[in-house]
C-alpha atoms as a PDB file:
ATOM      1  CA  UNK A   1     -19.518  40.371  97.412  1.00  0.00           C
ATOM      2  CA  UNK A   2     -17.947  37.105  99.307  1.00  0.00           C
ATOM      3  CA  UNK A   3     -14.597  35.685 101.205  1.00  0.00           C
ATOM      4  CA  UNK A   4     -14.141  32.188 100.202  1.00  0.00           C
ATOM      5  CA  UNK A   5     -10.882  30.174 100.851  1.00  0.00           C
ATOM      6  CA  UNK A   6      -8.553  31.411 103.158  1.00  0.00           C
ATOM      7  CA  UNK A   7     -10.232  34.519 102.987  1.00  0.00           C
ATOM      8  CA  UNK A   8      -9.631  35.459  99.738  1.00  0.00           C
ATOM      9  CA  UNK A   9     -12.047  38.288  98.175  1.00  0.00           C
ATOM     10  CA  UNK A  10     -13.937  36.949  95.838  1.00  0.00           C
ATOM     11  CA  UNK A  11     -16.023  39.447  93.783  1.00  0.00           C
ATOM     12  CA  UNK A  12     -19.765  38.244  91.442  1.00  0.00           C
ATOM     13  CA  UNK A  13     -20.135  40.647  88.540  1.00  0.00           C
ATOM     14  CA  UNK A  14     -23.121  40.666  86.814  1.00  0.00           C
ATOM     15  CA  UNK A  15     -24.238  41.427  82.916  1.00  0.00           C
ATOM     16  CA  UNK A  16     -26.726  41.285  80.479  1.00  0.00           C
ATOM     17  CA  UNK A  17     -26.934  37.922  77.637  1.00  0.00           C
ATOM     18  CA  UNK A  18     -28.269  40.719  75.142  1.00  0.00           C
ATOM     19  CA  UNK A  19     -27.172  39.225  71.443  1.00  0.00           C
ATOM     20  CA  UNK A  20     -29.612  42.019  69.440  1.00  0.00           C
ATOM     21  CA  UNK A  21     -29.447  44.648  71.362  1.00  0.00           C
ATOM     22  CA  UNK A  22     -27.851  47.762  69.188  1.00  0.00           C
ATOM     23  CA  UNK A  23     -27.829  51.286  72.466  1.00  0.00           C
ATOM     24  CA  UNK A  24     -24.578  52.470  72.862  1.00  0.00           C
ATOM     25  CA  UNK A  25     -24.074  54.579  76.185  1.00  0.00           C
ATOM     26  CA  UNK A  26     -23.361  58.033  76.474  1.00  0.00           C
ATOM     27  CA  UNK A  27     -19.753  59.222  76.856  1.00  0.00           C
ATOM     28  CA  UNK A  28     -19.187  58.861  80.967  1.00  0.00           C
ATOM     29  CA  UNK A  29     -22.121  57.070  80.869  1.00  0.00           C
ATOM     30  CA  UNK A  30     -22.940  53.679  82.335  1.00  0.00           C
ATOM     31  CA  UNK A  31     -24.653  50.410  81.233  1.00  0.00           C
ATOM     32  CA  UNK A  32     -24.923  46.544  80.855  1.00  0.00           C
ATOM     33  CA  UNK A  33     -22.515  44.355  80.789  1.00  0.00           C
ATOM     34  CA  UNK A  34     -22.926  42.144  78.077  1.00  0.00           C
ATOM     35  CA  UNK A  35     -22.270  38.674  78.089  1.00  0.00           C
ATOM     36  CA  UNK A  36     -22.361  35.285  75.856  1.00  0.00           C
ATOM     37  CA  UNK A  37     -25.060  32.514  75.793  1.00  0.00           C
ATOM     38  CA  UNK A  38     -22.294  30.317  78.682  1.00  0.00           C
ATOM     39  CA  UNK A  39     -22.010  33.501  81.000  1.00  0.00           C
ATOM     40  CA  UNK A  40     -18.718  34.892  79.092  1.00  0.00           C
ATOM     41  CA  UNK A  41     -18.005  38.564  78.655  1.00  0.00           C
ATOM     42  CA  UNK A  42     -17.965  39.954  75.451  1.00  0.00           C
ATOM     43  CA  UNK A  43     -14.566  41.744  74.340  1.00  0.00           C
ATOM     44  CA  UNK A  44     -13.993  44.325  71.698  1.00  0.00           C
ATOM     45  CA  UNK A  45     -10.347  44.331  71.003  1.00  0.00           C
ATOM     46  CA  UNK A  46      -8.489  47.803  70.090  1.00  0.00           C
ATOM     47  CA  UNK A  47      -5.634  48.857  70.111  1.00  0.00           C
ATOM     48  CA  UNK A  48      -2.872  51.377  71.136  1.00  0.00           C
ATOM     49  CA  UNK A  49      -5.041  54.708  70.285  1.00  0.00           C
ATOM     50  CA  UNK A  50      -8.686  53.453  71.695  1.00  0.00           C
ATOM     51  CA  UNK A  51      -9.127  51.637  67.219  1.00  0.00           C
ATOM     52  CA  UNK A  52     -10.710  48.551  67.043  1.00  0.00           C
ATOM     53  CA  UNK A  53      -9.869  46.845  65.399  1.00  0.00           C
ATOM     54  CA  UNK A  54     -10.097  42.901  63.713  1.00  0.00           C
ATOM     55  CA  UNK A  55     -12.489  44.987  61.645  1.00  0.00           C
ATOM     56  CA  UNK A  56     -13.192  44.152  58.012  1.00  0.00           C
ATOM     57  CA  UNK A  57     -11.126  47.379  56.808  1.00  0.00           C
ATOM     58  CA  UNK A  58      -8.327  47.154  59.730  1.00  0.00           C
ATOM     59  CA  UNK A  59      -8.244  43.060  60.101  1.00  0.00           C
ATOM     60  CA  UNK A  60      -5.809  40.657  62.646  1.00  0.00           C
ATOM     61  CA  UNK A  61      -3.128  40.258  60.871  1.00  0.00           C
ATOM     62  CA  UNK A  62      -1.150  36.773  60.965  1.00  0.00           C
ATOM     63  CA  UNK A  63       2.960  38.447  59.221  1.00  0.00           C
ATOM     64  CA  UNK A  64       5.085  39.294  61.957  1.00  0.00           C
ATOM     65  CA  UNK A  65       6.468  43.206  60.506  1.00  0.00           C
ATOM     66  CA  UNK A  66       2.769  44.185  60.411  1.00  0.00           C
ATOM     67  CA  UNK A  67       3.817  45.153  56.785  1.00  0.00           C
ATOM     68  CA  UNK A  68       2.875  43.068  54.328  1.00  0.00           C
ATOM     69  CA  UNK A  69      -0.198  43.682  52.105  1.00  0.00           C
ATOM     70  CA  UNK A  70      -3.377  41.571  53.112  1.00  0.00           C
ATOM     71  CA  UNK A  71      -4.768  39.808  51.668  1.00  0.00           C
ATOM     72  CA  UNK A  72      -1.203  37.606  50.526  1.00  0.00           C
ATOM     73  CA  UNK A  73      -1.269  38.100  47.083  1.00  0.00           C
ATOM     74  CA  UNK A  74       1.034  34.953  44.973  1.00  0.00           C
ATOM     75  CA  UNK A  75       2.534  38.082  43.275  1.00  0.00           C
ATOM     76  CA  UNK A  76       3.952  39.099  46.399  1.00  0.00           C
ATOM     77  CA  UNK A  77       5.248  35.569  47.581  1.00  0.00           C
ATOM     78  CA  UNK A  78       9.160  34.745  47.289  1.00  0.00           C
ATOM     79  CA  UNK A  79       8.357  32.910  44.677  1.00  0.00           C
ATOM     80  CA  UNK A  80      10.758  32.066  40.541  1.00  0.00           C
ATOM     81  CA  UNK A  81      10.518  34.593  37.988  1.00  0.00           C
ATOM     82  CA  UNK A  82       7.548  34.032  36.154  1.00  0.00           C
ATOM     83  CA  UNK A  83       6.211  31.153  38.906  1.00  0.00           C
ATOM     84  CA  UNK A  84       2.763  33.351  39.783  1.00  0.00           C
ATOM     85  CA  UNK A  85       2.066  33.402  35.875  1.00  0.00           C
ATOM     86  CA  UNK A  86       1.146  30.783  33.300  1.00  0.00           C
ATOM     87  CA  UNK A  87       4.788  32.080  30.856  1.00  0.00           C
ATOM     88  CA  UNK A  88       6.558  28.869  32.134  1.00  0.00           C
ATOM     89  CA  UNK A  89       3.552  26.543  32.131  1.00  0.00           C
ATOM     90  CA  UNK A  90       3.451  27.906  28.634  1.00  0.00           C
ATOM     91  CA  UNK A  91       6.114  27.752  27.887  1.00  0.00           C
ATOM     92  CA  UNK A  92       6.302  23.897  28.681  1.00  0.00           C
ATOM     93  CA  UNK A  93       2.133  23.115  26.769  1.00  0.00           C
ATOM     94  CA  UNK A  94       5.029  24.605  23.917  1.00  0.00           C
ATOM     95  CA  UNK A  95       7.639  22.214  24.042  1.00  0.00           C
ATOM     96  CA  UNK A  96       5.329  19.022  24.905  1.00  0.00           C
ATOM     97  CA  UNK A  97       3.350  19.964  21.468  1.00  0.00           C
ATOM     98  CA  UNK A  98       5.947  19.629  19.646  1.00  0.00           C
ATOM     99  CA  UNK A  99       6.798  16.099  20.617  1.00  0.00           C
ATOM    100  CA  UNK A 100       3.482  15.076  20.626  1.00  0.00           C
ATOM    101  CA  UNK A 101       3.807  16.364  16.633  1.00  0.00           C
ATOM    102  CA  UNK A 102       6.681  14.043  15.520  1.00  0.00           C
ATOM    103  CA  UNK A 103       5.853  10.908  17.275  1.00  0.00           C
ATOM    104  CA  UNK A 104       5.401   9.211  14.862  1.00  0.00           C
ATOM    105  CA  UNK A 105       2.680   6.663  13.709  1.00  0.00           C
ATOM    106  CA  UNK A 106       3.098   3.240  11.669  1.00  0.00           C
ATOM    107  CA  UNK A 107       4.614   4.282   7.916  1.00  0.00           C
ATOM    108  CA  UNK A 108       6.798   6.457   7.291  1.00  0.00           C
ATOM    109  CA  UNK A 109       7.468  10.271   8.109  1.00  0.00           C
ATOM    110  CA  UNK A 110       9.079  13.255   6.218  1.00  0.00           C
ATOM    111  CA  UNK A 111      12.349  15.062   7.968  1.00  0.00           C
ATOM    112  CA  UNK A 112      10.319  17.578   9.558  1.00  0.00           C
ATOM    113  CA  UNK A 113       7.339  14.775  11.166  1.00  0.00           C
ATOM    114  CA  UNK A 114      10.141  12.764  13.247  1.00  0.00           C
ATOM    115  CA  UNK A 115      11.763  12.781  15.719  1.00  0.00           C
ATOM    116  CA  UNK A 116      15.356  13.161  15.507  1.00  0.00           C
ATOM    117  CA  UNK A 117      17.498  10.444  16.150  1.00  0.00           C
ATOM    118  CA  UNK A 118      21.169  10.716  17.069  1.00  0.00           C
ATOM    119  CA  UNK A 119      23.797   8.661  16.135  1.00  0.00           C
ATOM    120  CA  UNK A 120      26.825   8.446  18.288  1.00  0.00           C
ATOM    121  CA  UNK A 121      30.710   9.598  16.634  1.00  0.00           C
ATOM    122  CA  UNK A 122      32.422   6.521  17.647  1.00  0.00           C
ATOM    123  CA  UNK A 123      31.055   3.565  16.640  1.00  0.00           C
ATOM    124  CA  UNK A 124      32.865  -0.119  15.589  1.00  0.00           C
ATOM    125  CA  UNK A 125      33.126  -0.896  11.979  1.00  0.00           C
ATOM    126  CA  UNK A 126      30.324  -3.395  11.247  1.00  0.00           C
ATOM    127  CA  UNK A 127      31.311  -6.725   9.778  1.00  0.00           C
ATOM    128  CA  UNK A 128      30.019  -7.384   6.261  1.00  0.00           C
ATOM    129  CA  UNK A 129      32.087 -10.356   5.785  1.00  0.00           C
ATOM    130  CA  UNK A 130      30.651 -13.703   5.148  1.00  0.00           C
ATOM    131  CA  UNK A 131      31.054 -16.463   7.358  1.00  0.00           C
ATOM    132  CA  UNK A 132      30.959 -20.125   6.479  1.00  0.00           C
ATOM    133  CA  UNK A 133      30.600 -22.833   8.079  1.00  0.00           C
ATOM    134  CA  UNK A 134      30.150 -23.667  11.914  1.00  0.00           C
ATOM    135  CA  UNK A 135      33.636 -22.217  12.932  1.00  0.00           C
ATOM    136  CA  UNK A 136      32.684 -18.748  12.178  1.00  0.00           C
ATOM    137  CA  UNK A 137      35.496 -19.363   8.804  1.00  0.00           C
ATOM    138  CA  UNK A 138      35.511 -15.351   6.639  1.00  0.00           C
ATOM    139  CA  UNK A 139      34.724 -17.181   2.945  1.00  0.00           C
ATOM    140  CA  UNK A 140      34.816 -14.904   0.205  1.00  0.00           C
ATOM    141  CA  UNK A 141      38.724 -13.827   0.322  1.00  0.00           C
ATOM    142  CA  UNK A 142      41.175 -14.085  -3.050  1.00  0.00           C
ATOM    143  CA  UNK A 143      42.413 -17.324  -1.762  1.00  0.00           C
ATOM    144  CA  UNK A 144      39.077 -18.763  -0.107  1.00  0.00           C
ATOM    145  CA  UNK A 145      36.649 -17.871  -3.669  1.00  0.00           C
ATOM    146  CA  UNK A 146      33.060 -18.069  -2.718  1.00  0.00           C
ATOM    147  CA  UNK A 147      31.503 -20.486  -4.262  1.00  0.00           C
ATOM    148  CA  UNK A 148      27.509 -21.413  -5.210  1.00  0.00           C
ATOM    149  CA  UNK A 149      26.549 -24.901  -5.728  1.00  0.00           C
ATOM    150  CA  UNK A 150      24.110 -25.488  -8.495  1.00  0.00           C
ATOM    151  CA  UNK A 151      21.947 -28.541  -9.272  1.00  0.00           C
ATOM    152  CA  UNK A 152      20.845 -29.154 -12.698  1.00  0.00           C
ATOM    153  CA  UNK A 153      18.202 -31.152 -13.674  1.00  0.00           C
ATOM    154  CA  UNK A 154      16.154 -31.768 -17.258  1.00  0.00           C
ATOM    155  CA  UNK A 155      12.669 -30.752 -18.710  1.00  0.00           C
ATOM    156  CA  UNK A 156      10.032 -33.086 -17.188  1.00  0.00           C
ATOM    157  CA  UNK A 157       9.019 -33.563 -20.992  1.00  0.00           C
ATOM    158  CA  UNK A 158      11.043 -33.586 -24.010  1.00  0.00           C
ATOM    159  CA  UNK A 159       9.758 -32.868 -27.448  1.00  0.00           C
ATOM    160  CA  UNK A 160       9.399 -36.302 -29.606  1.00  0.00           C
ATOM    161  CA  UNK A 161      11.622 -37.590 -31.936  1.00  0.00           C
ATOM    162  CA  UNK A 162      10.339 -37.501 -35.689  1.00  0.00           C
ATOM    163  CA  UNK A 163       9.209 -41.720 -35.814  1.00  0.00           C
ATOM    164  CA  UNK A 164       6.858 -42.188 -38.332  1.00  0.00           C
ATOM    165  CA  UNK A 165       7.094 -41.564 -41.685  1.00  0.00           C
ATOM    166  CA  UNK A 166       5.788 -38.270 -43.984  1.00  0.00           C
ATOM    167  CA  UNK A 167       2.621 -38.346 -45.004  1.00  0.00           C
ATOM    168  CA  UNK A 168       1.225 -36.448 -48.011  1.00  0.00           C
ATOM    169  CA  UNK A 169      -2.870 -36.427 -47.448  1.00  0.00           C
ATOM    170  CA  UNK A 170      -5.623 -35.227 -48.975  1.00  0.00           C
ATOM    171  CA  UNK A 171      -7.834 -32.242 -48.266  1.00  0.00           C
ATOM    172  CA  UNK A 172     -11.286 -33.755 -48.777  1.00  0.00           C
ATOM    173  CA  UNK A 173     -15.011 -34.475 -46.458  1.00  0.00           C
ATOM    174  CA  UNK A 174     -13.148 -37.386 -45.115  1.00  0.00           C
ATOM    175  CA  UNK A 175     -10.251 -35.747 -43.607  1.00  0.00           C
ATOM    176  CA  UNK A 176     -12.064 -33.247 -41.773  1.00  0.00           C
ATOM    177  CA  UNK A 177     -12.496 -31.319 -43.941  1.00  0.00           C
ATOM    178  CA  UNK A 178     -15.013 -30.728 -47.820  1.00  0.00           C
ATOM    179  CA  UNK A 179     -15.331 -32.293 -51.029  1.00  0.00           C
ATOM    180  CA  UNK A 180     -12.984 -31.043 -53.629  1.00  0.00           C
ATOM    181  CA  UNK A 181     -14.856 -28.018 -55.662  1.00  0.00           C
ATOM    182  CA  UNK A 182     -16.447 -27.294 -53.223  1.00  0.00           C
ATOM    183  CA  UNK A 183     -18.056 -23.268 -53.161  1.00  0.00           C
ATOM    184  CA  UNK A 184     -17.000 -21.531 -50.047  1.00  0.00           C
ATOM    185  CA  UNK A 185     -20.218 -18.601 -49.475  1.00  0.00           C
ATOM    186  CA  UNK A 186     -19.303 -15.126 -48.610  1.00  0.00           C
ATOM    187  CA  UNK A 187     -18.806 -15.092 -44.693  1.00  0.00           C
ATOM    188  CA  UNK A 188     -17.154 -13.869 -41.696  1.00  0.00           C
ATOM    189  CA  UNK A 189     -17.108 -17.536 -40.564  1.00  0.00           C
ATOM    190  CA  UNK A 190     -14.607 -20.144 -41.477  1.00  0.00           C
ATOM    191  CA  UNK A 191     -14.644 -23.420 -43.050  1.00  0.00           C
ATOM    192  CA  UNK A 192     -12.370 -26.403 -42.114  1.00  0.00           C
ATOM    193  CA  UNK A 193     -10.798 -28.070 -44.793  1.00  0.00           C
ATOM    194  CA  UNK A 194      -8.856 -30.244 -42.665  1.00  0.00           C
ATOM    195  CA  UNK A 195      -8.646 -31.239 -39.553  1.00  0.00           C
ATOM    196  CA  UNK A 196      -6.287 -34.100 -37.391  1.00  0.00           C
ATOM    197  CA  UNK A 197      -6.735 -34.302 -33.519  1.00  0.00           C
ATOM    198  CA  UNK A 198      -3.400 -36.068 -32.111  1.00  0.00           C
ATOM    199  CA  UNK A 199       0.147 -35.442 -32.480  1.00  0.00           C
ATOM    200  CA  UNK A 200       3.128 -35.430 -34.417  1.00  0.00           C
ATOM    201  CA  UNK A 201       4.778 -32.501 -37.074  1.00  0.00           C
ATOM    202  CA  UNK A 202       3.804 -30.370 -39.811  1.00  0.00           C
ATOM    203  CA  UNK A 203       5.884 -30.504 -42.829  1.00  0.00           C
ATOM    204  CA  UNK A 204       3.914 -28.041 -44.921  1.00  0.00           C
ATOM    205  CA  UNK A 205       0.456 -27.931 -46.800  1.00  0.00           C
ATOM    206  CA  UNK A 206      -1.213 -26.376 -49.999  1.00  0.00           C
ATOM    207  CA  UNK A 207      -4.469 -25.312 -50.737  1.00  0.00           C
ATOM    208  CA  UNK A 208      -5.836 -24.693 -54.524  1.00  0.00           C
ATOM    209  CA  UNK A 209      -8.452 -22.286 -54.710  1.00  0.00           C
ATOM    210  CA  UNK A 210     -10.859 -20.945 -57.339  1.00  0.00           C
ATOM    211  CA  UNK A 211      -9.107 -17.273 -58.111  1.00  0.00           C
ATOM    212  CA  UNK A 212      -6.650 -15.920 -55.595  1.00  0.00           C
ATOM    213  CA  UNK A 213      -8.499 -12.727 -54.398  1.00  0.00           C
ATOM    214  CA  UNK A 214     -10.751 -12.272 -52.134  1.00  0.00           C
ATOM    215  CA  UNK A 215      -9.204 -15.715 -50.176  1.00  0.00           C
ATOM    216  CA  UNK A 216      -8.076 -15.899 -46.377  1.00  0.00           C
ATOM    217  CA  UNK A 217      -5.894 -19.075 -45.188  1.00  0.00           C
ATOM    218  CA  UNK A 218      -5.502 -19.661 -41.111  1.00  0.00           C
ATOM    219  CA  UNK A 219      -3.376 -22.444 -39.302  1.00  0.00           C
ATOM    220  CA  UNK A 220      -4.334 -23.825 -35.667  1.00  0.00           C
ATOM    221  CA  UNK A 221      -1.921 -25.650 -34.086  1.00  0.00           C
ATOM    222  CA  UNK A 222      -3.369 -27.370 -30.398  1.00  0.00           C
ATOM    223  CA  UNK A 223      -6.178 -25.029 -30.872  1.00  0.00           C
ATOM    224  CA  UNK A 224      -3.687 -21.736 -30.933  1.00  0.00           C
ATOM    225  CA  UNK A 225      -3.604 -20.063 -34.425  1.00  0.00           C
ATOM    226  CA  UNK A 226      -0.657 -19.743 -36.030  1.00  0.00           C
ATOM    227  CA  UNK A 227      -1.388 -17.523 -38.556  1.00  0.00           C
ATOM    228  CA  UNK A 228      -3.981 -15.972 -40.272  1.00  0.00           C
ATOM    229  CA  UNK A 229      -3.223 -14.099 -44.170  1.00  0.00           C
ATOM    230  CA  UNK A 230      -4.898 -12.318 -46.478  1.00  0.00           C
ATOM    231  CA  UNK A 231      -4.687 -12.871 -50.759  1.00  0.00           C
ATOM    232  CA  UNK A 232      -4.076  -8.615 -50.658  1.00  0.00           C
ATOM    233  CA  UNK A 233      -1.083  -9.873 -48.663  1.00  0.00           C
ATOM    234  CA  UNK A 234       0.869 -10.808 -51.037  1.00  0.00           C
ATOM    235  CA  UNK A 235      -0.985  -9.573 -54.266  1.00  0.00           C
ATOM    236  CA  UNK A 236       0.903  -5.592 -53.435  1.00  0.00           C
ATOM    237  CA  UNK A 237       4.050  -3.730 -51.908  1.00  0.00           C
ATOM    238  CA  UNK A 238       1.609  -2.178 -49.552  1.00  0.00           C
ATOM    239  CA  UNK A 239       1.511  -5.243 -46.450  1.00  0.00           C
ATOM    240  CA  UNK A 240       4.326  -7.436 -46.378  1.00  0.00           C
ATOM    241  CA  UNK A 241       6.148  -5.962 -49.608  1.00  0.00           C
ATOM    242  CA  UNK A 242       6.197  -9.469 -51.212  1.00  0.00           C
ATOM    243  CA  UNK A 243       6.095  -9.340 -55.134  1.00  0.00           C
ATOM    244  CA  UNK A 244       3.327 -12.362 -56.462  1.00  0.00           C
ATOM    245  CA  UNK A 245       5.405 -15.078 -58.044  1.00  0.00           C
ATOM    246  CA  UNK A 246       8.897 -15.484 -56.289  1.00  0.00           C
ATOM    247  CA  UNK A 247      10.484 -13.496 -53.542  1.00  0.00           C
ATOM    248  CA  UNK A 248      12.780 -14.067 -50.671  1.00  0.00           C
ATOM    249  CA  UNK A 249      10.859 -13.081 -47.689  1.00  0.00           C
ATOM    250  CA  UNK A 250       8.137 -15.438 -48.968  1.00  0.00           C
ATOM    251  CA  UNK A 251      10.746 -18.153 -48.902  1.00  0.00           C
ATOM    252  CA  UNK A 252      12.072 -17.452 -45.192  1.00  0.00           C
ATOM    253  CA  UNK A 253       8.618 -17.384 -43.503  1.00  0.00           C
ATOM    254  CA  UNK A 254       7.641 -20.126 -45.506  1.00  0.00           C
ATOM    255  CA  UNK A 255       4.418 -19.034 -47.445  1.00  0.00           C
ATOM    256  CA  UNK A 256       4.199 -18.377 -51.135  1.00  0.00           C
ATOM    257  CA  UNK A 257       1.372 -17.944 -53.282  1.00  0.00           C
ATOM    258  CA  UNK A 258       1.251 -20.001 -56.673  1.00  0.00           C
ATOM    259  CA  UNK A 259       0.891 -18.558 -60.630  1.00  0.00           C
ATOM    260  CA  UNK A 260      -2.462 -21.412 -61.116  1.00  0.00           C
ATOM    261  CA  UNK A 261      -3.899 -19.400 -57.623  1.00  0.00           C
ATOM    262  CA  UNK A 262      -1.863 -21.583 -55.072  1.00  0.00           C
ATOM    263  CA  UNK A 263      -1.214 -21.524 -51.544  1.00  0.00           C
ATOM    264  CA  UNK A 264       1.616 -22.861 -50.630  1.00  0.00           C
ATOM    265  CA  UNK A 265       2.748 -22.576 -46.950  1.00  0.00           C
ATOM    266  CA  UNK A 266       5.784 -25.459 -45.519  1.00  0.00           C
ATOM    267  CA  UNK A 267       7.031 -24.106 -42.023  1.00  0.00           C
ATOM    268  CA  UNK A 268      10.833 -21.815 -42.128  1.00  0.00           C
ATOM    269  CA  UNK A 269      13.926 -23.233 -42.783  1.00  0.00           C
ATOM    270  CA  UNK A 270      12.376 -26.305 -43.355  1.00  0.00           C
ATOM    271  CA  UNK A 271      12.181 -27.636 -39.524  1.00  0.00           C
ATOM    272  CA  UNK A 272       8.697 -29.528 -39.247  1.00  0.00           C
ATOM    273  CA  UNK A 273       6.476 -28.071 -36.472  1.00  0.00           C
ATOM    274  CA  UNK A 274       5.521 -30.148 -33.618  1.00  0.00           C
ATOM    275  CA  UNK A 275       1.726 -31.299 -32.877  1.00  0.00           C
ATOM    276  CA  UNK A 276       0.532 -32.581 -28.972  1.00  0.00           C
ATOM    277  CA  UNK A 277      -3.124 -32.672 -29.694  1.00  0.00           C
ATOM    278  CA  UNK A 278      -4.366 -31.266 -32.849  1.00  0.00           C
ATOM    279  CA  UNK A 279      -4.197 -29.694 -35.939  1.00  0.00           C
ATOM    280  CA  UNK A 280      -6.864 -27.722 -38.422  1.00  0.00           C
ATOM    281  CA  UNK A 281      -6.610 -25.886 -41.981  1.00  0.00           C
ATOM    282  CA  UNK A 282      -9.507 -23.180 -42.755  1.00  0.00           C
ATOM    283  CA  UNK A 283     -10.365 -20.849 -45.250  1.00  0.00           C
ATOM    284  CA  UNK A 284     -13.309 -18.226 -46.076  1.00  0.00           C
ATOM    285  CA  UNK A 285     -14.380 -15.030 -47.818  1.00  0.00           C
ATOM    286  CA  UNK A 286     -14.783 -11.760 -45.879  1.00  0.00           C
ATOM    287  CA  UNK A 287     -16.120  -9.484 -48.534  1.00  0.00           C
ATOM    288  CA  UNK A 288     -15.530 -10.906 -52.307  1.00  0.00           C
ATOM    289  CA  UNK A 289     -18.521 -13.204 -53.773  1.00  0.00           C
ATOM    290  CA  UNK A 290     -19.007 -17.041 -53.695  1.00  0.00           C
ATOM    291  CA  UNK A 291     -15.788 -18.944 -55.135  1.00  0.00           C
ATOM    292  CA  UNK A 292     -14.674 -22.858 -55.406  1.00  0.00           C
ATOM    293  CA  UNK A 293     -12.227 -25.041 -52.827  1.00  0.00           C
ATOM    294  CA  UNK A 294      -9.896 -26.595 -55.304  1.00  0.00           C
ATOM    295  CA  UNK A 295      -8.604 -28.942 -53.422  1.00  0.00           C
ATOM    296  CA  UNK A 296      -5.804 -29.189 -51.268  1.00  0.00           C
ATOM    297  CA  UNK A 297      -2.505 -31.722 -50.200  1.00  0.00           C
ATOM    298  CA  UNK A 298      -1.171 -31.718 -45.957  1.00  0.00           C
ATOM    299  CA  UNK A 299       2.521 -32.352 -45.577  1.00  0.00           C
ATOM    300  CA  UNK A 300       2.505 -34.508 -42.013  1.00  0.00           C
ATOM    301  CA  UNK A 301       3.953 -37.260 -39.889  1.00  0.00           C
ATOM    302  CA  UNK A 302       1.089 -38.422 -37.821  1.00  0.00           C
ATOM    303  CA  UNK A 303       3.233 -39.799 -33.936  1.00  0.00           C
ATOM    304  CA  UNK A 304      -0.248 -40.907 -32.446  1.00  0.00           C
END
């Protein structure tokens, strides 16, 4: 014990630094006090009844009332209903999922897969009138009917007129075919009996053959087949309902069979056919035995 300053008493207390000691004094016994490495006395906090506080089973409390459940839980906090659970979050997720499901990709979607669009009920009337000129004048009215300008132009090419004399040309080897009385063998290939390259008008032709049975006849103009017809088309009523010799149907079509094994063609209603590049007459015997091409006669003009 010593005196410091103006005669104020000062006491020097000694204590033991012992952080690992477990010795407990007996009741009414004496023992060393303990200090920290910085010479501060160890303090053991107790309540009014002498029980130690600040322990694991009796921790210090931070709320002023001393009655709040420790540790503090989210359900005990003053939060809105459902805030301590995932209820509100689930509702939000469900709403977002519904929106995502209706965000359309490119293209059309069904009504159920589309975002609803609200149309205002007080829309103004859309003007559907036709506005003309530069001053915005309405046109198409009773007193100002809609007018359409139309420009007509003629074709760049027209069918040439008949300017050359009609001629009768014999079918033979010198006119692109075969000689008279040439035997035509059984074949599915066509035999040309007349051919001409140029332009003009066809008025008709005649082909005379040996025994009309078994023949087929074909006309080509500018490389395109105009018709192909066989003898059986004329010999009975089962195909085109033709009679053998005279029939009004044949006259209208311009096709007829002569009584002496002759095939005759003239354009319907005596209207000549224009050809611009070529004309060709062919015959064949696809199944019958060989027979002769007797002769033929072309009726045409040669413009070029």
